[in-house]
């Protein structure tokens, strides 16, 4: 695993609470399980890449992770 630091504005950091609420509304089976901001960021990236037809093929094999 590679860790890199990124700079986020306070507004962006606070939006993770909203992102987590949305993610949990779609995945109630994860209630009570802590989610890292790294996990939420990964899921957002995966969602947007998969919903774009021109890029979907780039992560087709990524589901095994």
N, C-alpha and C. Protein backbone atom coordinates (compact mmCIF):
# COMPACT_ATOMS: atom_id res chain seq x y z
N UNK A 1 0.84 -1.17 0.00
CA UNK A 1 0.00 0.00 0.00
C UNK A 1 0.89 1.24 0.00
N UNK A 2 0.52 2.21 -0.80
CA UNK A 2 1.25 3.46 -0.87
C UNK A 2 0.42 4.54 -0.21
N UNK A 3 1.03 5.27 0.67
CA UNK A 3 0.33 6.38 1.33
C UNK A 3 0.92 7.68 0.83
N UNK A 4 0.05 8.60 0.45
CA UNK A 4 0.47 9.93 0.04
C UNK A 4 -0.42 10.94 0.74
N UNK A 5 0.14 12.02 1.15
CA UNK A 5 -0.62 13.07 1.79
C UNK A 5 -1.21 13.99 0.73
N UNK A 6 -2.44 14.40 0.96
CA UNK A 6 -3.05 15.40 0.10
C UNK A 6 -3.62 16.49 1.00
N UNK A 7 -3.68 17.68 0.48
CA UNK A 7 -4.20 18.80 1.24
C UNK A 7 -5.67 19.00 0.86
N UNK A 8 -6.52 19.00 1.88
CA UNK A 8 -7.95 19.21 1.67
C UNK A 8 -8.38 20.48 2.39
N UNK A 9 -9.33 21.16 1.80
CA UNK A 9 -9.90 22.31 2.50
C UNK A 9 -10.79 21.79 3.63
N UNK A 10 -11.07 22.66 4.56
CA UNK A 10 -11.94 22.28 5.67
C UNK A 10 -13.32 21.87 5.14
N UNK A 11 -13.80 22.58 4.13
CA UNK A 11 -15.10 22.29 3.53
C UNK A 11 -15.12 20.88 2.93
N UNK A 12 -14.05 20.52 2.23
CA UNK A 12 -13.96 19.18 1.63
C UNK A 12 -13.91 18.12 2.73
N UNK A 13 -13.13 18.34 3.75
CA UNK A 13 -13.00 17.38 4.85
C UNK A 13 -14.36 17.15 5.52
N UNK A 14 -15.11 18.24 5.72
CA UNK A 14 -16.41 18.13 6.38
C UNK A 14 -17.43 17.39 5.51
N UNK A 15 -17.25 17.42 4.22
CA UNK A 15 -18.17 16.72 3.32
C UNK A 15 -18.08 15.21 3.46
N UNK A 16 -17.02 14.71 4.04
CA UNK A 16 -16.91 13.26 4.25
C UNK A 16 -18.05 12.74 5.13
N UNK A 17 -18.54 13.57 6.03
CA UNK A 17 -19.69 13.16 6.84
C UNK A 17 -20.91 12.91 5.96
N UNK A 18 -21.12 13.79 4.99
CA UNK A 18 -22.24 13.63 4.06
C UNK A 18 -22.02 12.40 3.18
N UNK A 19 -20.82 12.24 2.70
CA UNK A 19 -20.49 11.09 1.85
C UNK A 19 -20.73 9.79 2.61
N UNK A 20 -20.33 9.76 3.87
CA UNK A 20 -20.53 8.56 4.66
C UNK A 20 -22.02 8.26 4.86
N UNK A 21 -22.82 9.29 5.08
CA UNK A 21 -24.26 9.09 5.23
C UNK A 21 -24.86 8.51 3.96
N UNK A 22 -24.46 9.04 2.82
CA UNK A 22 -24.97 8.54 1.54
C UNK A 22 -24.54 7.10 1.32
N UNK A 23 -23.25 6.81 1.55
CA UNK A 23 -22.73 5.46 1.36
C UNK A 23 -23.45 4.47 2.27
N UNK A 24 -23.64 4.84 3.53
CA UNK A 24 -24.31 3.94 4.47
C UNK A 24 -25.79 3.75 4.13
N UNK A 25 -26.42 4.76 3.51
CA UNK A 25 -27.82 4.59 3.12
C UNK A 25 -27.96 3.53 2.04
N UNK A 26 -26.91 3.34 1.25
CA UNK A 26 -26.92 2.30 0.22
C UNK A 26 -26.39 0.96 0.72
N UNK A 27 -25.73 0.98 1.89
CA UNK A 27 -25.13 -0.24 2.45
C UNK A 27 -25.46 -0.37 3.94
N UNK A 28 -26.73 -0.61 4.26
CA UNK A 28 -27.11 -0.71 5.68
C UNK A 28 -26.44 -1.87 6.40
N UNK A 29 -25.95 -2.83 5.66
CA UNK A 29 -25.26 -3.96 6.29
C UNK A 29 -23.96 -3.53 6.97
N UNK A 30 -23.49 -2.33 6.68
CA UNK A 30 -22.25 -1.83 7.28
C UNK A 30 -22.50 -0.96 8.51
N UNK A 31 -23.75 -0.84 8.92
CA UNK A 31 -24.05 -0.05 10.12
C UNK A 31 -23.27 -0.61 11.31
N UNK A 32 -22.67 0.28 12.06
CA UNK A 32 -21.89 -0.13 13.23
C UNK A 32 -20.45 -0.46 12.91
N UNK A 33 -20.10 -0.52 11.64
CA UNK A 33 -18.72 -0.80 11.24
C UNK A 33 -18.06 0.52 10.87
N UNK A 34 -16.94 0.86 11.49
CA UNK A 34 -16.28 2.12 11.15
C UNK A 34 -15.74 2.10 9.71
N UNK A 35 -15.89 3.22 9.03
CA UNK A 35 -15.37 3.36 7.68
C UNK A 35 -14.33 4.47 7.65
N UNK A 36 -13.20 4.18 7.05
CA UNK A 36 -12.15 5.19 6.95
C UNK A 36 -12.44 6.13 5.78
N UNK A 37 -11.85 7.30 5.83
CA UNK A 37 -11.98 8.23 4.72
C UNK A 37 -11.32 7.65 3.47
N UNK A 38 -10.30 6.85 3.66
CA UNK A 38 -9.65 6.17 2.53
C UNK A 38 -10.65 5.23 1.84
N UNK A 39 -11.41 4.48 2.60
CA UNK A 39 -12.42 3.57 2.05
C UNK A 39 -13.49 4.34 1.29
N UNK A 40 -13.97 5.45 1.88
CA UNK A 40 -14.98 6.25 1.23
C UNK A 40 -14.47 6.85 -0.08
N UNK A 41 -13.23 7.32 -0.07
CA UNK A 41 -12.62 7.87 -1.28
C UNK A 41 -12.50 6.80 -2.35
N UNK A 42 -12.07 5.61 -1.97
CA UNK A 42 -11.95 4.49 -2.91
C UNK A 42 -13.30 4.15 -3.54
N UNK A 43 -14.34 4.08 -2.72
CA UNK A 43 -15.67 3.75 -3.22
C UNK A 43 -16.20 4.83 -4.15
N UNK A 44 -15.91 6.09 -3.85
CA UNK A 44 -16.33 7.18 -4.74
C UNK A 44 -15.64 7.06 -6.09
N UNK A 45 -14.34 6.82 -6.06
CA UNK A 45 -13.60 6.67 -7.31
C UNK A 45 -14.14 5.51 -8.13
N UNK A 46 -14.34 4.39 -7.47
CA UNK A 46 -14.85 3.20 -8.16
C UNK A 46 -16.21 3.47 -8.79
N UNK A 47 -17.08 4.15 -8.06
CA UNK A 47 -18.42 4.45 -8.56
C UNK A 47 -18.34 5.31 -9.82
N UNK A 48 -17.58 6.38 -9.75
CA UNK A 48 -17.54 7.29 -10.88
C UNK A 48 -16.86 6.67 -12.10
N UNK A 49 -15.84 5.89 -11.91
CA UNK A 49 -15.19 5.24 -13.05
C UNK A 49 -16.14 4.23 -13.67
N UNK A 50 -16.84 3.46 -12.86
CA UNK A 50 -17.75 2.44 -13.39
C UNK A 50 -18.96 3.03 -14.11
N UNK A 51 -19.37 4.24 -13.73
CA UNK A 51 -20.55 4.82 -14.36
C UNK A 51 -20.22 5.59 -15.64
N UNK A 52 -18.95 5.68 -15.96
CA UNK A 52 -18.53 6.34 -17.20
C UNK A 52 -18.15 5.27 -18.22
N UNK A 53 -18.96 5.09 -19.25
CA UNK A 53 -18.71 4.02 -20.23
C UNK A 53 -17.32 4.04 -20.85
N UNK A 54 -16.75 5.22 -21.05
CA UNK A 54 -15.43 5.30 -21.67
C UNK A 54 -14.31 4.80 -20.76
N UNK A 55 -14.56 4.72 -19.47
CA UNK A 55 -13.52 4.36 -18.52
C UNK A 55 -13.79 3.06 -17.76
N UNK A 56 -14.99 2.55 -17.85
CA UNK A 56 -15.41 1.36 -17.08
C UNK A 56 -14.45 0.20 -17.25
N UNK A 57 -13.99 -0.01 -18.47
CA UNK A 57 -13.10 -1.14 -18.75
C UNK A 57 -11.78 -1.08 -17.99
N UNK A 58 -11.42 0.10 -17.52
CA UNK A 58 -10.14 0.26 -16.84
C UNK A 58 -10.10 -0.41 -15.47
N UNK A 59 -11.27 -0.67 -14.87
CA UNK A 59 -11.28 -1.30 -13.54
C UNK A 59 -12.10 -2.58 -13.52
N UNK A 60 -12.40 -3.15 -14.67
CA UNK A 60 -13.21 -4.37 -14.69
C UNK A 60 -12.62 -5.49 -13.82
N UNK A 61 -11.31 -5.63 -13.82
CA UNK A 61 -10.68 -6.69 -13.03
C UNK A 61 -10.41 -6.28 -11.60
N UNK A 62 -10.73 -5.06 -11.23
CA UNK A 62 -10.41 -4.53 -9.92
C UNK A 62 -11.28 -5.08 -8.81
N UNK A 63 -12.37 -5.72 -9.13
CA UNK A 63 -13.31 -6.20 -8.13
C UNK A 63 -12.73 -7.32 -7.24
N UNK A 64 -11.65 -7.91 -7.65
CA UNK A 64 -11.04 -8.99 -6.87
C UNK A 64 -10.30 -8.49 -5.65
N UNK A 65 -10.04 -7.19 -5.58
CA UNK A 65 -9.30 -6.60 -4.46
C UNK A 65 -10.03 -6.75 -3.17
